[in-house]
PDB file of N, CA and C in Angstrom:
ATOM      1  N   MET A   1     102.093  21.649-267.292  1.00  0.00           N
ATOM      2  CA  MET A   1     101.155  22.561-267.907  1.00  0.00           C
ATOM      3  C   MET A   1     100.246  23.113-267.379  1.00  0.00           C
ATOM      4  N   ALA A   2      99.773  22.578-266.422  1.00  0.00           N
ATOM      5  CA  ALA A   2      98.356  23.265-265.728  1.00  0.00           C
ATOM      6  C   ALA A   2      98.741  24.211-264.837  1.00  0.00           C
ATOM      7  N   ARG A   3      99.990  24.080-264.221  1.00  0.00           N
ATOM      8  CA  ARG A   3     100.893  25.402-263.571  1.00  0.00           C
ATOM      9  C   ARG A   3     100.631  26.652-264.597  1.00  0.00           C
ATOM     10  N   ALA A   4     101.233  26.366-265.727  1.00  0.00           N
ATOM     11  CA  ALA A   4     101.426  27.569-266.770  1.00  0.00           C
ATOM     12  C   ALA A   4     100.091  28.161-267.024  1.00  0.00           C
ATOM     13  N   VAL A   5      99.041  27.260-267.064  1.00  0.00           N
ATOM     14  CA  VAL A   5      97.538  27.846-267.424  1.00  0.00           C
ATOM     15  C   VAL A   5      97.020  28.456-266.609  1.00  0.00           C
ATOM     16  N   ILE A   6      97.152  28.054-264.853  1.00  0.00           N
ATOM     17  CA  ILE A   6      96.860  28.679-264.028  1.00  0.00           C
ATOM     18  C   ILE A   6      97.533  30.215-263.686  1.00  0.00           C
ATOM     19  N   LEU A   7      98.903  30.185-264.038  1.00  0.00           N
ATOM     20  CA  LEU A   7      99.798  31.521-263.864  1.00  0.00           C
ATOM     21  C   LEU A   7      99.058  32.364-264.826  1.00  0.00           C
ATOM     22  N   THR A   8      99.094  31.897-266.085  1.00  0.00           N
ATOM     23  CA  THR A   8      98.566  32.878-267.257  1.00  0.00           C
ATOM     24  C   THR A   8      97.234  33.383-266.822  1.00  0.00           C
ATOM     25  N   ALA A   9      96.513  32.757-266.366  1.00  0.00           N
ATOM     26  CA  ALA A   9      94.957  33.121-266.115  1.00  0.00           C
ATOM     27  C   ALA A   9      94.979  34.198-264.933  1.00  0.00           C
ATOM     28  N   PHE A  10      95.647  33.596-264.023  1.00  0.00           N
ATOM     29  CA  PHE A  10      96.096  34.924-262.762  1.00  0.00           C
ATOM     30  C   PHE A  10      96.615  36.167-263.367  1.00  0.00           C
ATOM     31  N   ILE A  11      97.465  36.108-264.292  1.00  0.00           N
ATOM     32  CA  ILE A  11      97.987  37.357-264.511  1.00  0.00           C
ATOM     33  C   ILE A  11      97.286  38.119-265.698  1.00  0.00           C
ATOM     34  N   LEU A  12      96.284  37.186-266.671  1.00  0.00           N
ATOM     35  CA  LEU A  12      95.378  38.149-267.274  1.00  0.00           C
ATOM     36  C   LEU A  12      94.366  38.697-266.577  1.00  0.00           C
ATOM     37  N   THR A  13      94.248  38.182-265.504  1.00  0.00           N
ATOM     38  CA  THR A  13      92.705  38.993-264.719  1.00  0.00           C
ATOM     39  C   THR A  13      93.131  40.248-264.236  1.00  0.00           C
ATOM     40  N   PHE A  14      94.725  40.536-264.041  1.00  0.00           N
ATOM     41  CA  PHE A  14      95.158  41.989-263.600  1.00  0.00           C
ATOM     42  C   PHE A  14      95.509  42.650-264.529  1.00  0.00           C
ATOM     43  N   ILE A  15      95.461  42.131-265.803  1.00  0.00           N
ATOM     44  CA  ILE A  15      95.794  43.316-266.996  1.00  0.00           C
ATOM     45  C   ILE A  15      94.609  44.226-267.267  1.00  0.00           C
ATOM     46  N   PRO A  16      93.637  44.339-267.219  1.00  0.00           N
ATOM     47  CA  PRO A  16      92.523  45.158-267.796  1.00  0.00           C
ATOM     48  C   PRO A  16      92.490  46.348-266.356  1.00  0.00           C
ATOM     49  N   VAL A  17      93.082  45.684-265.224  1.00  0.00           N
ATOM     50  CA  VAL A  17      92.999  46.934-264.169  1.00  0.00           C
ATOM     51  C   VAL A  17      93.885  47.520-264.393  1.00  0.00           C
ATOM     52  N   VAL A  18      94.999  47.112-264.471  1.00  0.00           N
ATOM     53  CA  VAL A  18      96.315  48.076-265.100  1.00  0.00           C
ATOM     54  C   VAL A  18      96.125  49.138-265.943  1.00  0.00           C
ATOM     55  N   ALA A  19      96.016  48.457-267.254  1.00  0.00           N
ATOM     56  CA  ALA A  19      95.705  49.249-268.401  1.00  0.00           C
ATOM     57  C   ALA A  19      94.525  50.022-268.361  1.00  0.00           C
ATOM     58  N   SER A  20      93.731  49.897-267.588  1.00  0.00           N
ATOM     59  CA  SER A  20      92.553  50.977-267.458  1.00  0.00           C
ATOM     60  C   SER A  20      92.790  52.393-266.360  1.00  0.00           C
ATOM     61  N   ALA A  21      93.922  51.935-265.767  1.00  0.00           N
ATOM     62  CA  ALA A  21      94.092  53.157-264.809  1.00  0.00           C
ATOM     63  C   ALA A  21      94.713  54.426-265.716  1.00  0.00           C
ATOM     64  N   LYS A  22      94.247  55.603-265.368  1.00  0.00           N
ATOM     65  CA  LYS A  22      94.796  56.373-266.142  1.00  0.00           C
ATOM     66  C   LYS A  22      95.128  57.760-265.166  1.00  0.00           C
ATOM     67  N   ASP A  23      96.025  58.460-265.679  1.00  0.00           N
ATOM     68  CA  ASP A  23      96.539  59.661-264.815  1.00  0.00           C
ATOM     69  C   ASP A  23      96.127  60.832-264.992  1.00  0.00           C
ATOM     70  N   THR A  24      95.803  61.517-263.640  1.00  0.00           N
ATOM     71  CA  THR A  24      95.155  62.707-263.800  1.00  0.00           C
ATOM     72  C   THR A  24      95.973  63.698-264.122  1.00  0.00           C
ATOM     73  N   ARG A  25      95.277  64.485-265.166  1.00  0.00           N
ATOM     74  CA  ARG A  25      96.145  65.476-266.232  1.00  0.00           C
ATOM     75  C   ARG A  25      95.618  66.731-266.044  1.00  0.00           C
ATOM     76  N   PHE A  26      96.526  67.882-266.265  1.00  0.00           N
ATOM     77  CA  PHE A  26      96.013  69.353-266.450  1.00  0.00           C
ATOM     78  C   PHE A  26      96.462  69.489-268.065  1.00  0.00           C
ATOM     79  N   TRP A  27      95.256  70.021-268.487  1.00  0.00           N
ATOM     80  CA  TRP A  27      95.438  70.582-269.767  1.00  0.00           C
ATOM     81  C   TRP A  27      95.699  71.935-270.057  1.00  0.00           C
ATOM     82  N   ASN A  28      96.627  72.447-270.530  1.00  0.00           N
ATOM     83  CA  ASN A  28      97.055  74.004-270.610  1.00  0.00           C
ATOM     84  C   ASN A  28      96.112  74.560-271.724  1.00  0.00           C
ATOM     85  N   LEU A  29      95.432  75.187-271.971  1.00  0.00           N
ATOM     86  CA  LEU A  29      94.625  76.149-272.899  1.00  0.00           C
ATOM     87  C   LEU A  29      94.825  77.397-272.718  1.00  0.00           C
ATOM     88  N   THR A  30      95.725  78.075-271.896  1.00  0.00           N
ATOM     89  CA  THR A  30      95.802  79.188-271.972  1.00  0.00           C
ATOM     90  C   THR A  30      96.689  79.691-272.979  1.00  0.00           C
ATOM     91  N   ALA A  31      97.231  80.904-273.240  1.00  0.00           N
ATOM     92  CA  ALA A  31      97.821  81.377-274.313  1.00  0.00           C
ATOM     93  C   ALA A  31      99.394  81.334-274.186  1.00  0.00           C
ATOM     94  N   HIS A  32      99.988  80.879-272.850  1.00  0.00           N
ATOM     95  CA  HIS A  32     101.371  81.094-272.814  1.00  0.00           C
ATOM     96  C   HIS A  32     101.827  79.735-272.336  1.00  0.00           C
ATOM     97  N   THR A  33     103.253  79.342-272.087  1.00  0.00           N
ATOM     98  CA  THR A  33     103.628  78.322-271.711  1.00  0.00           C
ATOM     99  C   THR A  33     103.812  78.435-270.088  1.00  0.00           C
ATOM    100  N   ILE A  34     103.223  77.773-269.205  1.00  0.00           N
ATOM    101  CA  ILE A  34     103.209  77.705-267.765  1.00  0.00           C
ATOM    102  C   ILE A  34     104.436  76.930-267.301  1.00  0.00           C
ATOM    103  N   THR A  35     105.211  77.664-266.422  1.00  0.00           N
ATOM    104  CA  THR A  35     106.618  77.459-265.926  1.00  0.00           C
ATOM    105  C   THR A  35     106.244  76.843-264.281  1.00  0.00           C
ATOM    106  N   SER A  36     105.499  77.089-264.075  1.00  0.00           N
ATOM    107  CA  SER A  36     105.050  76.459-262.073  1.00  0.00           C
ATOM    108  C   SER A  36     103.717  76.441-262.112  1.00  0.00           C
ATOM    109  N   LEU A  37     103.006  75.433-261.516  1.00  0.00           N
ATOM    110  CA  LEU A  37     101.750  75.183-261.332  1.00  0.00           C
ATOM    111  C   LEU A  37     101.531  74.355-260.122  1.00  0.00           C
ATOM    112  N   GLN A  38     100.676  75.033-259.015  1.00  0.00           N
ATOM    113  CA  GLN A  38     100.567  74.424-257.603  1.00  0.00           C
ATOM    114  C   GLN A  38      99.074  74.545-257.561  1.00  0.00           C
ATOM    115  N   LEU A  39      98.727  73.592-256.277  1.00  0.00           N
ATOM    116  CA  LEU A  39      97.262  73.281-256.180  1.00  0.00           C
ATOM    117  C   LEU A  39      97.483  73.780-254.772  1.00  0.00           C
ATOM    118  N   SER A  40      96.393  73.949-254.132  1.00  0.00           N
ATOM    119  CA  SER A  40      95.822  74.354-252.702  1.00  0.00           C
ATOM    120  C   SER A  40      94.484  73.792-252.589  1.00  0.00           C
ATOM    121  N   PRO A  41      94.130  73.534-251.265  1.00  0.00           N
ATOM    122  CA  PRO A  41      92.636  73.477-251.104  1.00  0.00           C
ATOM    123  C   PRO A  41      92.117  74.873-250.982  1.00  0.00           C
ATOM    124  N   PRO A  42      90.810  74.997-251.734  1.00  0.00           N
ATOM    125  CA  PRO A  42      89.994  76.164-251.599  1.00  0.00           C
ATOM    126  C   PRO A  42      90.536  77.203-250.369  1.00  0.00           C
ATOM    127  N   GLY A  43      90.724  78.659-250.828  1.00  0.00           N
ATOM    128  CA  GLY A  43      90.742  79.606-249.700  1.00  0.00           C
ATOM    129  C   GLY A  43      91.680  79.005-248.741  1.00  0.00           C
ATOM    130  N   LYS A  44      93.020  78.211-248.944  1.00  0.00           N
ATOM    131  CA  LYS A  44      93.840  77.846-247.750  1.00  0.00           C
ATOM    132  C   LYS A  44      95.246  78.861-248.069  1.00  0.00           C
ATOM    133  N   SER A  45      95.521  78.847-249.265  1.00  0.00           N
ATOM    134  CA  SER A  45      96.831  79.171-249.963  1.00  0.00           C
ATOM    135  C   SER A  45      97.764  78.260-249.243  1.00  0.00           C
ATOM    136  N   ALA A  46      97.695  77.107-249.335  1.00  0.00           N
ATOM    137  CA  ALA A  46      98.766  76.181-248.942  1.00  0.00           C
ATOM    138  C   ALA A  46      98.950  75.324-249.955  1.00  0.00           C
ATOM    139  N   TRP A  47      99.860  75.850-250.895  1.00  0.00           N
ATOM    140  CA  TRP A  47     100.164  75.357-252.084  1.00  0.00           C
ATOM    141  C   TRP A  47     101.027  74.383-252.078  1.00  0.00           C
ATOM    142  N   GLY A  48     100.856  73.113-252.878  1.00  0.00           N
ATOM    143  CA  GLY A  48     101.773  71.834-252.621  1.00  0.00           C
ATOM    144  C   GLY A  48     102.928  72.295-253.979  1.00  0.00           C
ATOM    145  N   PRO A  49     103.560  70.831-254.089  1.00  0.00           N
ATOM    146  CA  PRO A  49     104.690  71.087-254.817  1.00  0.00           C
ATOM    147  C   PRO A  49     104.298  71.614-256.004  1.00  0.00           C
ATOM    148  N   ASN A  50     105.611  71.994-256.943  1.00  0.00           N
ATOM    149  CA  ASN A  50     105.441  72.595-258.574  1.00  0.00           C
ATOM    150  C   ASN A  50     105.299  70.966-259.310  1.00  0.00           C
ATOM    151  N   GLN A  51     104.034  70.987-259.945  1.00  0.00           N
ATOM    152  CA  GLN A  51     103.609  70.197-260.895  1.00  0.00           C
ATOM    153  C   GLN A  51     104.393  69.941-262.251  1.00  0.00           C
ATOM    154  N   THR A  52     104.789  70.836-262.519  1.00  0.00           N
ATOM    155  CA  THR A  52     105.631  70.864-263.598  1.00  0.00           C
ATOM    156  C   THR A  52     106.935  70.465-263.411  1.00  0.00           C
ATOM    157  N   ASP A  53     107.466  69.718-262.143  1.00  0.00           N
ATOM    158  CA  ASP A  53     108.342  69.164-262.395  1.00  0.00           C
ATOM    159  C   ASP A  53     108.299  67.632-262.808  1.00  0.00           C
ATOM    160  N   ASN A  54     107.046  67.219-262.806  1.00  0.00           N
ATOM    161  CA  ASN A  54     106.446  65.962-263.590  1.00  0.00           C
ATOM    162  C   ASN A  54     106.625  65.855-265.002  1.00  0.00           C
ATOM    163  N   ASP A  55     106.904  67.139-265.840  1.00  0.00           N
ATOM    164  CA  ASP A  55     107.367  67.015-267.190  1.00  0.00           C
ATOM    165  C   ASP A  55     108.715  67.223-267.406  1.00  0.00           C
ATOM    166  N   ARG A  56     109.232  66.405-268.498  1.00  0.00           N
ATOM    167  CA  ARG A  56     110.722  66.376-268.694  1.00  0.00           C
ATOM    168  C   ARG A  56     111.464  67.731-269.065  1.00  0.00           C
ATOM    169  N   ASP A  57     110.545  68.874-269.490  1.00  0.00           N
ATOM    170  CA  ASP A  57     111.225  70.049-269.820  1.00  0.00           C
ATOM    171  C   ASP A  57     111.005  70.979-268.646  1.00  0.00           C
ATOM    172  N   ARG A  58     109.962  70.432-267.691  1.00  0.00           N
ATOM    173  CA  ARG A  58     109.709  71.289-266.223  1.00  0.00           C
ATOM    174  C   ARG A  58     108.980  72.510-266.974  1.00  0.00           C
ATOM    175  N   THR A  59     108.084  72.575-268.041  1.00  0.00           N
ATOM    176  CA  THR A  59     106.906  73.277-268.348  1.00  0.00           C
ATOM    177  C   THR A  59     105.755  72.738-269.059  1.00  0.00           C
ATOM    178  N   VAL A  60     104.571  73.464-269.256  1.00  0.00           N
ATOM    179  CA  VAL A  60     103.488  73.154-269.849  1.00  0.00           C
ATOM    180  C   VAL A  60     103.289  74.081-270.844  1.00  0.00           C
ATOM    181  N   ASP A  61     103.431  73.855-272.479  1.00  0.00           N
ATOM    182  CA  ASP A  61     103.307  74.412-273.360  1.00  0.00           C
ATOM    183  C   ASP A  61     101.674  74.540-273.567  1.00  0.00           C
ATOM    184  N   HIS A  62     101.339  75.543-274.264  1.00  0.00           N
ATOM    185  CA  HIS A  62      99.828  75.572-274.726  1.00  0.00           C
ATOM    186  C   HIS A  62      99.546  74.301-275.300  1.00  0.00           C
ATOM    187  N   ASP A  63      98.342  73.727-275.014  1.00  0.00           N
ATOM    188  CA  ASP A  63      97.740  72.660-275.556  1.00  0.00           C
ATOM    189  C   ASP A  63      98.594  71.503-275.080  1.00  0.00           C
ATOM    190  N   GLU A  64      99.560  71.552-274.311  1.00  0.00           N
ATOM    191  CA  GLU A  64     100.134  70.389-273.709  1.00  0.00           C
ATOM    192  C   GLU A  64      99.347  69.710-272.281  1.00  0.00           C
ATOM    193  N   ARG A  65      99.581  68.372-272.151  1.00  0.00           N
ATOM    194  CA  ARG A  65      98.831  68.028-270.987  1.00  0.00           C
ATOM    195  C   ARG A  65     100.131  67.569-269.781  1.00  0.00           C
ATOM    196  N   LEU A  66      99.810  67.792-268.731  1.00  0.00           N
ATOM    197  CA  LEU A  66     100.623  67.638-267.471  1.00  0.00           C
ATOM    198  C   LEU A  66      99.886  66.650-266.975  1.00  0.00           C
ATOM    199  N   LYS A  67     100.919  65.646-266.262  1.00  0.00           N
ATOM    200  CA  LYS A  67     100.597  64.594-265.348  1.00  0.00           C
ATOM    201  C   LYS A  67     100.618  65.246-263.695  1.00  0.00           C
ATOM    202  N   ILE A  68      99.250  65.049-263.285  1.00  0.00           N
ATOM    203  CA  ILE A  68      99.298  65.613-261.832  1.00  0.00           C
ATOM    204  C   ILE A  68      99.465  64.287-260.982  1.00  0.00           C
ATOM    205  N   THR A  69     100.643  64.408-259.955  1.00  0.00           N
ATOM    206  CA  THR A  69     100.906  63.331-258.852  1.00  0.00           C
ATOM    207  C   THR A  69     100.384  64.087-257.447  1.00  0.00           C
ATOM    208  N   ASP A  70     100.420  62.591-256.664  1.00  0.00           N
ATOM    209  CA  ASP A  70      99.782  62.901-255.228  1.00  0.00           C
ATOM    210  C   ASP A  70      98.937  64.102-255.008  1.00  0.00           C
ATOM    211  N   THR A  71      97.795  63.739-255.432  1.00  0.00           N
ATOM    212  CA  THR A  71      96.601  64.809-255.413  1.00  0.00           C
ATOM    213  C   THR A  71      95.474  64.094-255.419  1.00  0.00           C
ATOM    214  N   ALA A  72      94.643  63.926-254.102  1.00  0.00           N
ATOM    215  CA  ALA A  72      93.434  63.422-254.383  1.00  0.00           C
ATOM    216  C   ALA A  72      92.362  63.988-254.932  1.00  0.00           C
ATOM    217  N   ALA A  73      91.035  63.439-255.578  1.00  0.00           N
ATOM    218  CA  ALA A  73      90.110  63.821-256.337  1.00  0.00           C
ATOM    219  C   ALA A  73      89.781  65.049-255.160  1.00  0.00           C
ATOM    220  N   GLY A  74      89.037  65.962-255.763  1.00  0.00           N
ATOM    221  CA  GLY A  74      88.566  67.397-255.011  1.00  0.00           C
ATOM    222  C   GLY A  74      88.450  68.688-255.593  1.00  0.00           C
ATOM    223  N   VAL A  75      88.290  69.550-255.015  1.00  0.00           N
ATOM    224  CA  VAL A  75      88.009  70.958-255.203  1.00  0.00           C
ATOM    225  C   VAL A  75      89.262  71.999-254.703  1.00  0.00           C
ATOM    226  N   TYR A  76      90.108  72.480-255.835  1.00  0.00           N
ATOM    227  CA  TYR A  76      91.109  73.238-255.629  1.00  0.00           C
ATOM    228  C   TYR A  76      91.675  74.547-255.961  1.00  0.00           C
ATOM    229  N   ASP A  77      92.046  75.273-255.677  1.00  0.00           N
ATOM    230  CA  ASP A  77      92.613  76.504-256.057  1.00  0.00           C
ATOM    231  C   ASP A  77      93.866  76.113-256.723  1.00  0.00           C
ATOM    232  N   VAL A  78      94.035  76.646-257.943  1.00  0.00           N
ATOM    233  CA  VAL A  78      95.185  76.456-258.981  1.00  0.00           C
ATOM    234  C   VAL A  78      96.024  77.827-258.988  1.00  0.00           C
ATOM    235  N   ARG A  79      97.427  77.840-258.640  1.00  0.00           N
ATOM    236  CA  ARG A  79      98.208  78.952-258.897  1.00  0.00           C
ATOM    237  C   ARG A  79      99.297  78.412-260.084  1.00  0.00           C
ATOM    238  N   PHE A  80      99.343  79.592-261.000  1.00  0.00           N
ATOM    239  CA  PHE A  80     100.652  79.075-261.896  1.00  0.00           C
ATOM    240  C   PHE A  80     101.245  80.380-262.303  1.00  0.00           C
ATOM    241  N   VAL A  81     102.696  80.359-262.587  1.00  0.00           N
ATOM    242  CA  VAL A  81     103.240  81.313-263.010  1.00  0.00           C
ATOM    243  C   VAL A  81     103.553  81.006-264.857  1.00  0.00           C
ATOM    244  N   ASP A  82     103.458  81.887-265.932  1.00  0.00           N
ATOM    245  CA  ASP A  82     103.679  81.443-266.899  1.00  0.00           C
ATOM    246  C   ASP A  82     104.817  82.337-267.722  1.00  0.00           C
ATOM    247  N   GLN A  83     105.504  82.320-268.681  1.00  0.00           N
ATOM    248  CA  GLN A  83     106.584  82.527-269.360  1.00  0.00           C
ATOM    249  C   GLN A  83     106.495  84.002-269.551  1.00  0.00           C
ATOM    250  N   SER A  84     105.092  84.561-269.781  1.00  0.00           N
ATOM    251  CA  SER A  84     105.208  86.017-269.762  1.00  0.00           C
ATOM    252  C   SER A  84     105.420  86.771-268.483  1.00  0.00           C
ATOM    253  N   GLY A  85     105.507  85.827-267.483  1.00  0.00           N
ATOM    254  CA  GLY A  85     105.798  86.486-265.865  1.00  0.00           C
ATOM    255  C   GLY A  85     104.412  86.962-265.174  1.00  0.00           C
ATOM    256  N   ARG A  86     103.298  86.297-265.826  1.00  0.00           N
ATOM    257  CA  ARG A  86     102.242  86.525-265.093  1.00  0.00           C
ATOM    258  C   ARG A  86     102.028  85.131-264.081  1.00  0.00           C
ATOM    259  N   THR A  87     101.451  85.937-262.852  1.00  0.00           N
ATOM    260  CA  THR A  87     101.024  84.901-261.749  1.00  0.00           C
ATOM    261  C   THR A  87      99.476  84.817-261.474  1.00  0.00           C
ATOM    262  N   CYS A  88      99.008  83.732-261.856  1.00  0.00           N
ATOM    263  CA  CYS A  88      97.287  83.572-261.829  1.00  0.00           C
ATOM    264  C   CYS A  88      96.979  82.616-260.742  1.00  0.00           C
ATOM    265  N   ILE A  89      96.053  83.027-260.145  1.00  0.00           N
ATOM    266  CA  ILE A  89      95.151  82.389-259.189  1.00  0.00           C
ATOM    267  C   ILE A  89      93.772  81.773-259.761  1.00  0.00           C
ATOM    268  N   VAL A  90      93.449  80.563-260.309  1.00  0.00           N
ATOM    269  CA  VAL A  90      92.200  80.247-260.456  1.00  0.00           C
ATOM    270  C   VAL A  90      91.412  79.386-259.614  1.00  0.00           C
ATOM    271  N   PRO A  91      90.478  79.929-258.944  1.00  0.00           N
ATOM    272  CA  PRO A  91      89.848  79.017-257.576  1.00  0.00           C
ATOM    273  C   PRO A  91      88.886  78.076-258.208  1.00  0.00           C
ATOM    274  N   GLY A  92      88.589  77.255-257.152  1.00  0.00           N
ATOM    275  CA  GLY A  92      87.532  76.198-257.584  1.00  0.00           C
ATOM    276  C   GLY A  92      87.350  75.342-258.587  1.00  0.00           C
ATOM    277  N   ILE A  93      88.704  74.750-258.693  1.00  0.00           N
ATOM    278  CA  ILE A  93      88.945  73.846-259.897  1.00  0.00           C
ATOM    279  C   ILE A  93      88.588  72.471-259.461  1.00  0.00           C
ATOM    280  N   GLU A  94      87.727  71.979-260.125  1.00  0.00           N
ATOM    281  CA  GLU A  94      87.432  70.379-259.724  1.00  0.00           C
ATOM    282  C   GLU A  94      88.286  69.316-260.520  1.00  0.00           C
ATOM    283  N   ILE A  95      88.922  68.511-259.623  1.00  0.00           N
ATOM    284  CA  ILE A  95      89.851  67.513-260.112  1.00  0.00           C
ATOM    285  C   ILE A  95      89.477  65.985-259.621  1.00  0.00           C
ATOM    286  N   LYS A  96      89.065  65.275-261.035  1.00  0.00           N
ATOM    287  CA  LYS A  96      88.972  63.933-260.772  1.00  0.00           C
ATOM    288  C   LYS A  96      89.816  62.914-260.944  1.00  0.00           C
ATOM    289  N   THR A  97      90.019  61.617-259.893  1.00  0.00           N
ATOM    290  CA  THR A  97      90.922  61.077-260.153  1.00  0.00           C
ATOM    291  C   THR A  97      91.011  60.289-261.577  1.00  0.00           C
ATOM    292  N   GLY A  98      92.025  60.178-262.505  1.00  0.00           N
ATOM    293  CA  GLY A  98      91.968  59.827-263.871  1.00  0.00           C
ATOM    294  C   GLY A  98      91.444  60.541-264.886  1.00  0.00           C
ATOM    295  N   GLY A  99      91.103  62.024-264.558  1.00  0.00           N
ATOM    296  CA  GLY A  99      90.374  62.807-265.313  1.00  0.00           C
ATOM    297  C   GLY A  99      91.197  63.828-266.018  1.00  0.00           C
ATOM    298  N   VAL A 100      90.895  64.754-266.722  1.00  0.00           N
ATOM    299  CA  VAL A 100      91.602  66.291-267.334  1.00  0.00           C
ATOM    300  C   VAL A 100      90.793  67.235-266.872  1.00  0.00           C
ATOM    301  N   PHE A 101      91.614  68.190-266.188  1.00  0.00           N
ATOM    302  CA  PHE A 101      90.983  69.374-266.179  1.00  0.00           C
ATOM    303  C   PHE A 101      91.823  70.445-266.685  1.00  0.00           C
ATOM    304  N   THR A 102      90.917  71.369-267.128  1.00  0.00           N
ATOM    305  CA  THR A 102      91.605  72.630-268.339  1.00  0.00           C
ATOM    306  C   THR A 102      91.419  73.612-267.316  1.00  0.00           C
ATOM    307  N   ILE A 103      92.687  74.863-267.694  1.00  0.00           N
ATOM    308  CA  ILE A 103      92.413  76.313-267.531  1.00  0.00           C
ATOM    309  C   ILE A 103      92.546  76.700-268.776  1.00  0.00           C
ATOM    310  N   GLU A 104      91.665  77.608-269.206  1.00  0.00           N
ATOM    311  CA  GLU A 104      91.642  78.316-270.441  1.00  0.00           C
ATOM    312  C   GLU A 104      91.749  80.082-270.111  1.00  0.00           C
ATOM    313  N   GLU A 105      92.462  80.820-271.172  1.00  0.00           N
ATOM    314  CA  GLU A 105      92.705  81.991-271.224  1.00  0.00           C
ATOM    315  C   GLU A 105      91.217  82.853-270.572  1.00  0.00           C
ATOM    316  N   LYS A 106      90.108  82.391-270.647  1.00  0.00           N
ATOM    317  CA  LYS A 106      88.886  83.603-270.181  1.00  0.00           C
ATOM    318  C   LYS A 106      88.476  82.985-269.005  1.00  0.00           C
ATOM    319  N   ASP A 107      89.256  81.874-268.280  1.00  0.00           N
ATOM    320  CA  ASP A 107      89.164  81.674-266.899  1.00  0.00           C
ATOM    321  C   ASP A 107      90.203  82.630-266.072  1.00  0.00           C
ATOM    322  N   LEU A 108      90.807  83.102-266.560  1.00  0.00           N
ATOM    323  CA  LEU A 108      91.723  84.170-265.753  1.00  0.00           C
ATOM    324  C   LEU A 108      91.552  85.535-265.269  1.00  0.00           C
ATOM    325  N   LYS A 109      90.981  85.686-264.195  1.00  0.00           N
ATOM    326  CA  LYS A 109      90.521  86.898-263.730  1.00  0.00           C
ATOM    327  C   LYS A 109      91.608  87.688-262.511  1.00  0.00           C
ATOM    328  N   GLY A 110      92.135  86.927-261.909  1.00  0.00           N
ATOM    329  CA  GLY A 110      92.979  87.375-260.844  1.00  0.00           C
ATOM    330  C   GLY A 110      94.387  87.117-261.162  1.00  0.00           C
ATOM    331  N   CYS A 111      94.949  87.705-262.432  1.00  0.00           N
ATOM    332  CA  CYS A 111      96.586  87.627-262.727  1.00  0.00           C
ATOM    333  C   CYS A 111      97.428  88.798-262.434  1.00  0.00           C
ATOM    334  N   THR A 112      98.746  88.595-262.013  1.00  0.00           N
ATOM    335  CA  THR A 112      99.250  89.733-261.841  1.00  0.00           C
ATOM    336  C   THR A 112     100.541  89.596-262.480  1.00  0.00           C
ATOM    337  N   LYS A 113     101.174  90.541-262.536  1.00  0.00           N
ATOM    338  CA  LYS A 113     102.417  90.539-263.457  1.00  0.00           C
ATOM    339  C   LYS A 113     103.776  91.143-262.577  1.00  0.00           C
TER     340      LYS A 113
END
């Protein structure tokens, strides 16, 4: 009986830590579905993996959130391609661990088609 109580107490001490962990996410507030999204240290053009691979349909619809993986907190340039054919680079996006970062249509200045 004492073992069961100790084991239960031990397990319960870790539940709040696990439950409070949040994923870092991108929230698409652009006008189009995004088909590719990559991050780079600012000004480096060293683009990382396609983060849309983290989504079951490999796209990020307008107003959808995408889990971002293997990315430390910091400032990044974001490059994405959307279904309209635009390729956009948005510099200086701050990413916080467990936070949500957004890109809105008004943020898009350097897009090419």
